Amino acid sequence: MKTLFSLILVLSLAFFVYEKNKTSIINEVKNIAQTIESGGGTKNESTQNTNYPKEVVEHSQEAKDYFSEVCEGFEYSSNKQVLKWDTDVKVYVKGQRPDYLMAEFESIVDELNSYINPIDIKFVNSESDANFVVMFSSASDYVAYEPFAANYVDGNWGMFIIAGNKSIVRASMYVDIVRCTGIDGQKHLLREEFTQGLGLKNDSYTYPESMFYQKWTTTTEYAPIDVEIIKMLYNE
């Protein structure tokens, strides 16, 4: 959790098995058993280009270590599974759509698409077509959508939930625009939570300039090492 505002909640839902025709996602990993409500349609067809040539890049030990820390970790579990999307990410913004946050979101998506090769991130006009629902809202509004979040939003101005088994198949997130009134703070939360919903799940104290730094910051750009591990996750 982020100290002071405890902004990031990485729920250990990565091992949830999503069943398209049911209204719940059920997980049983060791002694953890949690259920969350399914909040939108998920298309399971893979859009990954399996013939896409993988990048061969020599990474520093620092980048390898940071990848392990951010991509393998879960804040509430000792499990080390790496997860990512292997289908296109179809984003629907539910409810309020402040112009300044939508413009920032479009910029974030464009930037991520320039880094990630096998899949595309795109906005959709219907919640039923989405597999990643984003809310700019109050905590109570997010809980109404994701009841599982009820025990966590009091200390979190932003959080995400991911679901999947071998890969991520569904996600949601929110930015609390009621309690977090600073524009840079909201933009930071949007970038961090959305990127973590792509599989960069954990926070770290290692690099203060990183988007995944554990303590509260208002950073609105990826650090170079953030870009490197995003590419490591998806392109290699």
Foldseek 3Di string as FASTA:
>chain_A
DAPPQQAEAFDPQAAWADDQPDQWTWDDDPPDTDIKGDQAGFDDDFQFDPPDDFDDDDDDPVLVVLLQFQQQDHPPDPGGAGAFDRHAAEEEEPDDDDPVLVVLVVVLQVVLPVLFDGYHYYYDDDRNHGQEYEYAEAPVVVCVRIVVCVVPCVRHQKYKYFHDRRYTTHMYMYGDCPVPVDPLQSLLRVNLRVVCNRRSPAADCPDPQASRHRYDDSRNDHDPSRSVSSNVSRRD
